[in-house]
Amino acid sequence: MIIIHNEDSALGLATCEPPTRHQQRLTVGAVVDHMGSAALIPAGSRVARSESGRPFLSVASKLNLSISHSGPWVAVACSTHPIGIDVEKRSQVSPEAWSLFASPAELTILPPVRIWSIKEASLKCWDAVGQLSMREIYVNADGTVGLLGFPPLRWILHRPPHWPEVVMVVPQQVTA
C-alpha cells in the first residue's frame, strides 16, 4: 500500500487479487482503514454513497472523497477541497473510441488514456458523472482542465513504481 499526503489531501494506492468488483471494494475499505489509522481521515471512517452514487466518508467530515479502480489497482483520494481521481490500464481505451471523448487537438498533446483519465477525474471532482459528456471538457497540455460554467481544474500525474498512471484533479487554485 502506498500513501501520499500533504496538509490538505491524501492519496492511497493498493492492489487486489483477484481483481473482482468485490475484492476491489474490500481493498478500498482497507485503504480507508489505513488512512484512518494514520490519522489522515477520521478514525472509523467507512465509505458510503450518496443518492447520485458519489462516495463519501460515513464519519462526519468535511473531507471530499474520490475512488477509482481498474483491474487489480485501487486508488482512494480524500481532501479538504473537491477532488477527483482515476487510474486506468492502458489497454482499456481502444483507438476506435478516442474520437468519442477526445478532440483531434487533445490527441496531439497527450496520450488518449491520459485524456480519458483527466476527464473522468474531472467529472468526479465537479460531481457531474452522468450529467456531462467527456467531449464537453477540454484538456490542456499546461495541466489545466476546463468546462464552461464550472470552476477551472488542474491535473496532477502520479507514476508510482509498477503502477499505471494515476491522475488526480483538483481546483486550479489549490496547491497539491
N, C-alpha and C. Protein backbone atom coordinates (compact mmCIF):
# COMPACT_ATOMS: atom_id res chain seq x y z
N MET A 1 0.84 -1.18 0.00
CA MET A 1 0.00 0.00 0.00
C MET A 1 0.89 1.24 0.00
N ILE A 2 0.50 2.22 -0.80
CA ILE A 2 1.24 3.47 -0.90
C ILE A 2 0.32 4.60 -0.43
N ILE A 3 0.80 5.45 0.46
CA ILE A 3 0.04 6.62 0.90
C ILE A 3 0.89 7.85 0.62
N ILE A 4 0.31 8.80 -0.11
CA ILE A 4 0.97 10.07 -0.41
C ILE A 4 0.07 11.14 0.19
N HIS A 5 0.62 12.07 0.97
CA HIS A 5 -0.24 13.09 1.56
C HIS A 5 0.49 14.40 1.78
N ASN A 6 -0.31 15.46 1.91
CA ASN A 6 0.18 16.76 2.32
C ASN A 6 -0.82 17.31 3.33
N GLU A 7 -0.79 18.61 3.59
CA GLU A 7 -1.63 19.17 4.66
C GLU A 7 -3.13 19.13 4.36
N ASP A 8 -3.54 19.04 3.09
CA ASP A 8 -4.98 19.08 2.81
C ASP A 8 -5.51 17.93 1.96
N SER A 9 -4.66 16.96 1.61
CA SER A 9 -5.16 15.84 0.84
C SER A 9 -4.29 14.60 1.05
N ALA A 10 -4.89 13.44 0.75
CA ALA A 10 -4.17 12.17 0.86
C ALA A 10 -4.59 11.28 -0.29
N LEU A 11 -3.66 10.50 -0.78
CA LEU A 11 -3.89 9.56 -1.86
C LEU A 11 -3.42 8.20 -1.38
N GLY A 12 -4.31 7.22 -1.42
CA GLY A 12 -3.97 5.86 -1.03
C GLY A 12 -4.05 4.95 -2.23
N LEU A 13 -3.03 4.14 -2.45
CA LEU A 13 -2.97 3.23 -3.59
C LEU A 13 -2.71 1.82 -3.09
N ALA A 14 -3.44 0.85 -3.65
CA ALA A 14 -3.25 -0.54 -3.26
C ALA A 14 -3.63 -1.44 -4.43
N THR A 15 -3.19 -2.68 -4.36
CA THR A 15 -3.58 -3.65 -5.38
C THR A 15 -4.39 -4.76 -4.72
N CYS A 16 -5.19 -5.43 -5.54
CA CYS A 16 -6.01 -6.52 -5.02
C CYS A 16 -5.95 -7.71 -5.97
N GLU A 17 -6.05 -8.88 -5.42
CA GLU A 17 -6.10 -10.13 -6.19
C GLU A 17 -7.15 -11.03 -5.55
N PRO A 18 -8.00 -11.63 -6.34
CA PRO A 18 -8.21 -11.40 -7.77
C PRO A 18 -8.90 -10.06 -7.98
N PRO A 19 -8.77 -9.48 -9.17
CA PRO A 19 -9.34 -8.14 -9.39
C PRO A 19 -10.85 -8.16 -9.68
N THR A 20 -11.62 -8.72 -8.74
CA THR A 20 -13.07 -8.73 -8.87
C THR A 20 -13.64 -7.46 -8.24
N ARG A 21 -14.86 -7.11 -8.58
CA ARG A 21 -15.52 -5.93 -8.01
C ARG A 21 -15.58 -6.05 -6.49
N HIS A 22 -15.89 -7.24 -5.99
CA HIS A 22 -15.96 -7.46 -4.54
C HIS A 22 -14.60 -7.22 -3.89
N GLN A 23 -13.55 -7.77 -4.47
CA GLN A 23 -12.21 -7.59 -3.91
C GLN A 23 -11.76 -6.13 -4.00
N GLN A 24 -12.14 -5.43 -5.08
CA GLN A 24 -11.82 -4.01 -5.19
C GLN A 24 -12.48 -3.23 -4.05
N ARG A 25 -13.74 -3.53 -3.75
CA ARG A 25 -14.44 -2.84 -2.65
C ARG A 25 -13.78 -3.13 -1.30
N LEU A 26 -13.39 -4.39 -1.08
CA LEU A 26 -12.69 -4.73 0.16
C LEU A 26 -11.38 -3.96 0.25
N THR A 27 -10.68 -3.83 -0.85
CA THR A 27 -9.40 -3.11 -0.87
C THR A 27 -9.60 -1.62 -0.60
N VAL A 28 -10.66 -1.03 -1.16
CA VAL A 28 -10.99 0.37 -0.85
C VAL A 28 -11.17 0.52 0.65
N GLY A 29 -11.90 -0.40 1.27
CA GLY A 29 -12.10 -0.36 2.72
C GLY A 29 -10.79 -0.45 3.48
N ALA A 30 -9.88 -1.30 3.01
CA ALA A 30 -8.57 -1.44 3.67
C ALA A 30 -7.76 -0.15 3.55
N VAL A 31 -7.81 0.49 2.38
CA VAL A 31 -7.09 1.76 2.20
C VAL A 31 -7.67 2.82 3.14
N VAL A 32 -9.00 2.90 3.21
CA VAL A 32 -9.65 3.87 4.11
C VAL A 32 -9.27 3.58 5.56
N ASP A 33 -9.27 2.31 5.97
CA ASP A 33 -8.85 1.95 7.33
C ASP A 33 -7.41 2.40 7.59
N HIS A 34 -6.53 2.17 6.62
CA HIS A 34 -5.12 2.56 6.77
C HIS A 34 -4.99 4.09 6.90
N MET A 35 -5.76 4.82 6.08
CA MET A 35 -5.73 6.28 6.18
C MET A 35 -6.25 6.74 7.54
N GLY A 36 -7.25 6.06 8.07
CA GLY A 36 -7.77 6.39 9.39
C GLY A 36 -6.76 6.11 10.49
N SER A 37 -6.08 4.96 10.41
CA SER A 37 -5.09 4.63 11.44
C SER A 37 -3.87 5.55 11.35
N ALA A 38 -3.64 6.14 10.18
CA ALA A 38 -2.54 7.11 10.03
C ALA A 38 -3.00 8.53 10.35
N ALA A 39 -4.22 8.68 10.84
CA ALA A 39 -4.80 9.98 11.23
C ALA A 39 -4.91 10.95 10.05
N LEU A 40 -5.04 10.41 8.83
CA LEU A 40 -5.23 11.27 7.67
C LEU A 40 -6.71 11.56 7.43
N ILE A 41 -7.56 10.70 7.97
CA ILE A 41 -9.02 10.88 7.93
C ILE A 41 -9.55 10.48 9.30
N PRO A 42 -10.81 10.81 9.63
CA PRO A 42 -11.33 10.42 10.94
C PRO A 42 -11.29 8.90 11.13
N ALA A 43 -10.81 8.46 12.30
CA ALA A 43 -10.75 7.04 12.60
C ALA A 43 -12.16 6.44 12.54
N GLY A 44 -12.25 5.23 12.08
CA GLY A 44 -13.54 4.55 12.00
C GLY A 44 -14.35 4.91 10.77
N SER A 45 -13.78 5.69 9.88
CA SER A 45 -14.49 6.09 8.67
C SER A 45 -14.76 4.88 7.78
N ARG A 46 -15.91 4.89 7.14
CA ARG A 46 -16.27 3.89 6.14
C ARG A 46 -16.75 4.64 4.91
N VAL A 47 -16.71 3.98 3.78
CA VAL A 47 -17.19 4.59 2.54
C VAL A 47 -18.69 4.37 2.43
N ALA A 48 -19.41 5.45 2.22
CA ALA A 48 -20.85 5.40 1.96
C ALA A 48 -21.08 6.07 0.61
N ARG A 49 -22.29 5.97 0.09
CA ARG A 49 -22.59 6.57 -1.22
C ARG A 49 -23.84 7.43 -1.12
N SER A 50 -23.79 8.58 -1.81
CA SER A 50 -24.96 9.47 -1.87
C SER A 50 -25.96 8.86 -2.86
N GLU A 51 -27.13 9.49 -2.97
CA GLU A 51 -28.14 9.01 -3.92
C GLU A 51 -27.62 9.02 -5.35
N SER A 52 -26.72 9.97 -5.66
CA SER A 52 -26.16 10.04 -7.01
C SER A 52 -25.03 9.03 -7.22
N GLY A 53 -24.61 8.35 -6.13
CA GLY A 53 -23.53 7.37 -6.23
C GLY A 53 -22.17 7.91 -5.83
N ARG A 54 -22.10 9.20 -5.49
CA ARG A 54 -20.81 9.79 -5.11
C ARG A 54 -20.38 9.24 -3.75
N PRO A 55 -19.12 8.79 -3.64
CA PRO A 55 -18.66 8.26 -2.36
C PRO A 55 -18.39 9.39 -1.36
N PHE A 56 -18.62 9.06 -0.08
CA PHE A 56 -18.27 9.99 0.99
C PHE A 56 -17.91 9.17 2.22
N LEU A 57 -17.28 9.82 3.20
CA LEU A 57 -16.91 9.15 4.45
C LEU A 57 -18.10 9.16 5.40
N SER A 58 -18.37 8.00 6.02
CA SER A 58 -19.53 7.86 6.90
C SER A 58 -19.39 8.66 8.19
N VAL A 59 -18.16 8.87 8.64
CA VAL A 59 -17.94 9.67 9.85
C VAL A 59 -18.03 11.14 9.45
N ALA A 60 -18.77 11.91 10.24
CA ALA A 60 -18.96 13.33 9.92
C ALA A 60 -17.60 13.97 9.62
N SER A 61 -17.51 14.50 8.43
CA SER A 61 -16.22 15.03 7.99
C SER A 61 -16.46 16.04 6.88
N LYS A 62 -15.55 16.99 6.77
CA LYS A 62 -15.61 17.96 5.67
C LYS A 62 -14.70 17.52 4.53
N LEU A 63 -14.25 16.27 4.58
CA LEU A 63 -13.35 15.77 3.55
C LEU A 63 -14.14 15.29 2.33
N ASN A 64 -13.63 15.58 1.16
CA ASN A 64 -14.18 15.06 -0.09
C ASN A 64 -13.46 13.76 -0.41
N LEU A 65 -14.16 12.85 -1.08
CA LEU A 65 -13.61 11.53 -1.36
C LEU A 65 -13.79 11.19 -2.83
N SER A 66 -12.81 10.55 -3.41
CA SER A 66 -12.90 10.04 -4.78
C SER A 66 -12.24 8.67 -4.82
N ILE A 67 -12.84 7.75 -5.58
CA ILE A 67 -12.36 6.37 -5.67
C ILE A 67 -12.25 5.97 -7.13
N SER A 68 -11.22 5.18 -7.45
CA SER A 68 -11.10 4.62 -8.78
C SER A 68 -10.49 3.23 -8.68
N HIS A 69 -10.89 2.35 -9.57
CA HIS A 69 -10.27 1.03 -9.64
C HIS A 69 -10.26 0.56 -11.08
N SER A 70 -9.20 -0.15 -11.42
CA SER A 70 -9.03 -0.69 -12.76
C SER A 70 -8.20 -1.96 -12.63
N GLY A 71 -8.82 -3.10 -12.94
CA GLY A 71 -8.10 -4.36 -12.75
C GLY A 71 -7.70 -4.50 -11.30
N PRO A 72 -6.44 -4.81 -11.03
CA PRO A 72 -6.01 -5.01 -9.64
C PRO A 72 -5.67 -3.71 -8.90
N TRP A 73 -5.74 -2.56 -9.56
CA TRP A 73 -5.34 -1.30 -8.94
C TRP A 73 -6.52 -0.57 -8.34
N VAL A 74 -6.34 -0.06 -7.12
CA VAL A 74 -7.36 0.70 -6.39
C VAL A 74 -6.73 1.99 -5.91
N ALA A 75 -7.41 3.12 -6.15
CA ALA A 75 -6.92 4.43 -5.70
C ALA A 75 -8.03 5.12 -4.92
N VAL A 76 -7.68 5.71 -3.79
CA VAL A 76 -8.61 6.46 -2.95
C VAL A 76 -7.96 7.81 -2.65
N ALA A 77 -8.69 8.89 -2.95
CA ALA A 77 -8.18 10.23 -2.65
C ALA A 77 -9.17 10.94 -1.75
N CYS A 78 -8.68 11.66 -0.76
CA CYS A 78 -9.54 12.48 0.08
C CYS A 78 -8.86 13.83 0.27
N SER A 79 -9.70 14.86 0.43
CA SER A 79 -9.15 16.20 0.51
C SER A 79 -10.14 17.15 1.15
N THR A 80 -9.63 18.27 1.62
CA THR A 80 -10.50 19.32 2.15
C THR A 80 -11.15 20.12 1.03
N HIS A 81 -10.68 19.95 -0.20
CA HIS A 81 -11.26 20.62 -1.37
C HIS A 81 -11.82 19.55 -2.31
N PRO A 82 -12.64 19.93 -3.28
CA PRO A 82 -13.13 18.93 -4.25
C PRO A 82 -11.96 18.21 -4.90
N ILE A 83 -12.14 16.93 -5.18
CA ILE A 83 -11.06 16.12 -5.75
C ILE A 83 -11.65 15.03 -6.62
N GLY A 84 -10.91 14.65 -7.64
CA GLY A 84 -11.30 13.53 -8.49
C GLY A 84 -10.06 12.70 -8.79
N ILE A 85 -10.23 11.40 -8.93
CA ILE A 85 -9.09 10.53 -9.20
C ILE A 85 -9.49 9.49 -10.23
N ASP A 86 -8.54 9.06 -11.04
CA ASP A 86 -8.77 7.97 -11.98
C ASP A 86 -7.48 7.22 -12.23
N VAL A 87 -7.60 5.91 -12.30
CA VAL A 87 -6.50 5.03 -12.69
C VAL A 87 -7.05 4.12 -13.78
N GLU A 88 -6.29 3.95 -14.85
CA GLU A 88 -6.74 3.14 -15.99
C GLU A 88 -5.60 2.26 -16.48
N LYS A 89 -5.96 1.04 -16.85
CA LYS A 89 -5.00 0.20 -17.57
C LYS A 89 -4.90 0.77 -18.98
N ARG A 90 -3.71 0.84 -19.52
CA ARG A 90 -3.52 1.41 -20.86
C ARG A 90 -4.39 0.73 -21.91
N SER A 91 -4.57 -0.56 -21.82
CA SER A 91 -5.28 -1.30 -22.86
C SER A 91 -6.78 -1.07 -22.87
N GLN A 92 -7.32 -0.36 -21.88
CA GLN A 92 -8.77 -0.22 -21.78
C GLN A 92 -9.36 0.81 -22.73
N VAL A 93 -8.58 1.66 -23.34
CA VAL A 93 -9.12 2.67 -24.25
C VAL A 93 -8.66 2.33 -25.66
N SER A 94 -9.60 1.89 -26.49
CA SER A 94 -9.24 1.47 -27.85
C SER A 94 -9.17 2.68 -28.79
N PRO A 95 -8.33 2.59 -29.82
CA PRO A 95 -8.22 3.70 -30.79
C PRO A 95 -9.56 4.08 -31.42
N GLU A 96 -10.45 3.11 -31.61
CA GLU A 96 -11.75 3.39 -32.20
C GLU A 96 -12.60 4.31 -31.30
N ALA A 97 -12.36 4.26 -30.01
CA ALA A 97 -13.16 5.05 -29.07
C ALA A 97 -12.61 6.45 -28.83
N TRP A 98 -11.39 6.74 -29.25
CA TRP A 98 -10.76 8.02 -28.94
C TRP A 98 -11.62 9.20 -29.36
N SER A 99 -12.19 9.16 -30.55
CA SER A 99 -12.96 10.31 -31.04
C SER A 99 -14.26 10.52 -30.26
N LEU A 100 -14.66 9.54 -29.48
CA LEU A 100 -15.88 9.67 -28.68
C LEU A 100 -15.68 10.57 -27.46
N PHE A 101 -14.42 10.72 -27.02
CA PHE A 101 -14.18 11.51 -25.81
C PHE A 101 -13.09 12.56 -25.97
N ALA A 102 -12.31 12.51 -27.05
CA ALA A 102 -11.19 13.45 -27.20
C ALA A 102 -11.27 14.17 -28.54
N SER A 103 -10.87 15.42 -28.52
CA SER A 103 -10.82 16.19 -29.77
C SER A 103 -9.52 15.89 -30.49
N PRO A 104 -9.45 16.15 -31.79
CA PRO A 104 -8.18 15.97 -32.51
C PRO A 104 -7.05 16.79 -31.89
N ALA A 105 -7.37 17.99 -31.42
CA ALA A 105 -6.33 18.84 -30.81
C ALA A 105 -5.79 18.20 -29.53
N GLU A 106 -6.67 17.64 -28.69
CA GLU A 106 -6.21 16.99 -27.46
C GLU A 106 -5.32 15.79 -27.78
N LEU A 107 -5.68 15.06 -28.83
CA LEU A 107 -4.90 13.86 -29.18
C LEU A 107 -3.50 14.19 -29.68
N THR A 108 -3.27 15.46 -30.03
CA THR A 108 -1.91 15.85 -30.45
C THR A 108 -1.03 16.22 -29.27
N ILE A 109 -1.62 16.44 -28.08
CA ILE A 109 -0.82 16.89 -26.94
C ILE A 109 -0.63 15.85 -25.84
N LEU A 110 -1.55 14.88 -25.75
CA LEU A 110 -1.47 13.89 -24.67
C LEU A 110 -1.89 12.51 -25.17
N PRO A 111 -1.40 11.44 -24.53
CA PRO A 111 -1.86 10.11 -24.89
C PRO A 111 -3.36 9.95 -24.57
N PRO A 112 -4.09 9.19 -25.39
CA PRO A 112 -5.53 9.04 -25.19
C PRO A 112 -5.93 8.55 -23.80
N VAL A 113 -5.20 7.60 -23.25
CA VAL A 113 -5.59 7.08 -21.94
C VAL A 113 -5.46 8.16 -20.86
N ARG A 114 -4.49 9.07 -21.01
CA ARG A 114 -4.35 10.16 -20.04
C ARG A 114 -5.50 11.17 -20.19
N ILE A 115 -5.90 11.45 -21.43
CA ILE A 115 -7.04 12.34 -21.65
C ILE A 115 -8.28 11.76 -20.99
N TRP A 116 -8.51 10.46 -21.21
CA TRP A 116 -9.66 9.78 -20.60
C TRP A 116 -9.61 9.94 -19.08
N SER A 117 -8.45 9.65 -18.47
CA SER A 117 -8.31 9.72 -17.02
C SER A 117 -8.54 11.12 -16.49
N ILE A 118 -8.00 12.11 -17.18
CA ILE A 118 -8.18 13.50 -16.74
C ILE A 118 -9.66 13.88 -16.78
N LYS A 119 -10.34 13.51 -17.85
CA LYS A 119 -11.76 13.86 -17.98
C LYS A 119 -12.62 13.09 -16.97
N GLU A 120 -12.31 11.82 -16.76
CA GLU A 120 -13.06 11.02 -15.78
C GLU A 120 -12.87 11.61 -14.38
N ALA A 121 -11.64 11.93 -14.01
CA ALA A 121 -11.38 12.52 -12.70
C ALA A 121 -12.03 13.90 -12.58
N SER A 122 -12.08 14.66 -13.66
CA SER A 122 -12.73 15.99 -13.65
C SER A 122 -14.22 15.86 -13.37
N LEU A 123 -14.86 14.90 -14.02
CA LEU A 123 -16.29 14.67 -13.77
C LEU A 123 -16.54 14.35 -12.30
N LYS A 124 -15.66 13.55 -11.71
CA LYS A 124 -15.79 13.22 -10.29
C LYS A 124 -15.59 14.47 -9.42
N CYS A 125 -14.59 15.27 -9.75
CA CYS A 125 -14.30 16.48 -8.97
C CYS A 125 -15.47 17.46 -9.03
N TRP A 126 -16.06 17.61 -10.20
CA TRP A 126 -17.20 18.53 -10.35
C TRP A 126 -18.51 17.90 -9.90
N ASP A 127 -18.49 16.63 -9.48
CA ASP A 127 -19.69 15.88 -9.12
C ASP A 127 -20.69 15.91 -10.28
N ALA A 128 -20.19 15.63 -11.48
CA ALA A 128 -21.01 15.71 -12.68
C ALA A 128 -21.02 14.39 -13.47
N VAL A 129 -20.67 13.28 -12.82
CA VAL A 129 -20.69 11.99 -13.50
C VAL A 129 -22.11 11.71 -13.97
N GLY A 130 -22.25 11.35 -15.23
CA GLY A 130 -23.57 11.06 -15.80
C GLY A 130 -24.35 12.29 -16.25
N GLN A 131 -23.83 13.48 -15.96
CA GLN A 131 -24.53 14.71 -16.33
C GLN A 131 -23.90 15.41 -17.52
N LEU A 132 -22.63 15.14 -17.77
CA LEU A 132 -21.90 15.81 -18.84
C LEU A 132 -21.24 14.79 -19.75
N SER A 133 -20.99 15.20 -20.97
CA SER A 133 -20.25 14.38 -21.92
C SER A 133 -18.77 14.72 -21.80
N MET A 134 -17.93 13.72 -21.95
CA MET A 134 -16.48 13.97 -21.91
C MET A 134 -16.05 14.89 -23.05
N ARG A 135 -16.79 14.92 -24.13
CA ARG A 135 -16.45 15.80 -25.26
C ARG A 135 -16.62 17.28 -24.89
N GLU A 136 -17.40 17.57 -23.84
CA GLU A 136 -17.61 18.96 -23.43
C GLU A 136 -16.43 19.51 -22.63
N ILE A 137 -15.62 18.62 -22.10
CA ILE A 137 -14.48 19.01 -21.26
C ILE A 137 -13.25 19.17 -22.16
N TYR A 138 -12.47 20.22 -21.94
CA TYR A 138 -11.25 20.38 -22.71
C TYR A 138 -10.04 20.28 -21.79
N VAL A 139 -9.05 19.52 -22.27
CA VAL A 139 -7.82 19.27 -21.53
C VAL A 139 -6.69 20.02 -22.23
N ASN A 140 -5.90 20.72 -21.45
CA ASN A 140 -4.78 21.49 -22.00
C ASN A 140 -3.45 20.88 -21.56
N ALA A 141 -2.44 21.01 -22.39
CA ALA A 141 -1.11 20.47 -22.09
C ALA A 141 -0.47 21.17 -20.89
N ASP A 142 -0.95 22.38 -20.55
CA ASP A 142 -0.36 23.11 -19.42
C ASP A 142 -0.83 22.60 -18.06
N GLY A 143 -1.61 21.51 -18.05
CA GLY A 143 -2.05 20.94 -16.79
C GLY A 143 -3.39 21.44 -16.31
N THR A 144 -4.13 22.14 -17.16
CA THR A 144 -5.45 22.64 -16.77
C THR A 144 -6.55 21.90 -17.51
N VAL A 145 -7.74 21.95 -16.92
CA VAL A 145 -8.95 21.34 -17.48
C VAL A 145 -10.04 22.38 -17.39
N GLY A 146 -10.89 22.46 -18.41
CA GLY A 146 -11.94 23.46 -18.38
C GLY A 146 -13.27 22.95 -18.93
N LEU A 147 -14.32 23.64 -18.50
CA LEU A 147 -15.68 23.42 -18.99
C LEU A 147 -16.47 24.66 -18.63
N LEU A 148 -17.13 25.25 -19.62
CA LEU A 148 -17.89 26.47 -19.40
C LEU A 148 -18.89 26.28 -18.25
N GLY A 149 -18.88 27.20 -17.29
CA GLY A 149 -19.81 27.15 -16.17
C GLY A 149 -19.31 26.37 -14.97
N PHE A 150 -18.11 25.80 -15.04
CA PHE A 150 -17.54 25.06 -13.92
C PHE A 150 -16.20 25.68 -13.55
N PRO A 151 -15.80 25.59 -12.27
CA PRO A 151 -14.51 26.17 -11.88
C PRO A 151 -13.37 25.45 -12.58
N PRO A 152 -12.32 26.19 -12.98
CA PRO A 152 -11.20 25.55 -13.65
C PRO A 152 -10.49 24.56 -12.73
N LEU A 153 -9.96 23.51 -13.33
CA LEU A 153 -9.24 22.48 -12.58
C LEU A 153 -7.83 22.35 -13.13
N ARG A 154 -7.00 21.68 -12.37
CA ARG A 154 -5.70 21.30 -12.89
C ARG A 154 -5.47 19.84 -12.58
N TRP A 155 -4.72 19.17 -13.44
CA TRP A 155 -4.48 17.75 -13.24
C TRP A 155 -3.05 17.51 -12.81
N ILE A 156 -2.89 16.48 -12.00
CA ILE A 156 -1.60 16.10 -11.44
C ILE A 156 -1.40 14.62 -11.77
N LEU A 157 -0.27 14.30 -12.31
CA LEU A 157 0.03 12.93 -12.70
C LEU A 157 0.94 12.28 -11.67
N HIS A 158 0.54 11.11 -11.17
CA HIS A 158 1.39 10.32 -10.27
C HIS A 158 1.81 9.06 -11.02
N ARG A 159 3.06 8.67 -10.88
CA ARG A 159 3.55 7.45 -11.52
C ARG A 159 4.24 6.57 -10.48
N PRO A 160 3.44 5.91 -9.64
CA PRO A 160 4.06 5.01 -8.65
C PRO A 160 4.75 3.84 -9.35
N PRO A 161 5.82 3.30 -8.76
CA PRO A 161 6.51 2.15 -9.36
C PRO A 161 5.55 0.98 -9.55
N HIS A 162 5.61 0.32 -10.69
CA HIS A 162 4.81 -0.86 -11.02
C HIS A 162 3.31 -0.59 -11.08
N TRP A 163 2.95 0.64 -11.35
CA TRP A 163 1.54 1.04 -11.46
C TRP A 163 1.31 1.71 -12.79
N PRO A 164 0.06 1.68 -13.29
CA PRO A 164 -0.26 2.56 -14.42
C PRO A 164 -0.28 3.99 -13.89
N GLU A 165 -0.43 4.95 -14.77
CA GLU A 165 -0.52 6.35 -14.33
C GLU A 165 -1.77 6.55 -13.48
N VAL A 166 -1.65 7.39 -12.47
CA VAL A 166 -2.77 7.78 -11.64
C VAL A 166 -2.95 9.28 -11.82
N VAL A 167 -4.14 9.71 -12.24
CA VAL A 167 -4.41 11.13 -12.46
C VAL A 167 -5.30 11.63 -11.33
N MET A 168 -4.89 12.74 -10.70
CA MET A 168 -5.69 13.39 -9.68
C MET A 168 -6.03 14.79 -10.20
N VAL A 169 -7.26 15.22 -10.00
CA VAL A 169 -7.71 16.53 -10.47
C VAL A 169 -8.20 17.31 -9.26
N VAL A 170 -7.75 18.58 -9.17
CA VAL A 170 -8.12 19.46 -8.06
C VAL A 170 -8.46 20.84 -8.62
N PRO A 171 -9.18 21.67 -7.83
CA PRO A 171 -9.41 23.05 -8.30
C PRO A 171 -8.10 23.75 -8.62
N GLN A 172 -8.10 24.57 -9.64
CA GLN A 172 -6.87 25.18 -10.15
C GLN A 172 -6.11 25.98 -9.10
N GLN A 173 -6.81 26.63 -8.17
CA GLN A 173 -6.12 27.46 -7.19
C GLN A 173 -5.50 26.68 -6.05
N VAL A 174 -5.75 25.37 -5.95
CA VAL A 174 -5.24 24.55 -4.86
C VAL A 174 -3.80 24.14 -5.16
N THR A 175 -2.94 24.21 -4.16
CA THR A 175 -1.57 23.74 -4.33
C THR A 175 -1.48 22.34 -3.74
N ALA A 176 -1.24 21.35 -4.57
CA ALA A 176 -1.17 19.97 -4.08
C ALA A 176 0.16 19.34 -4.43
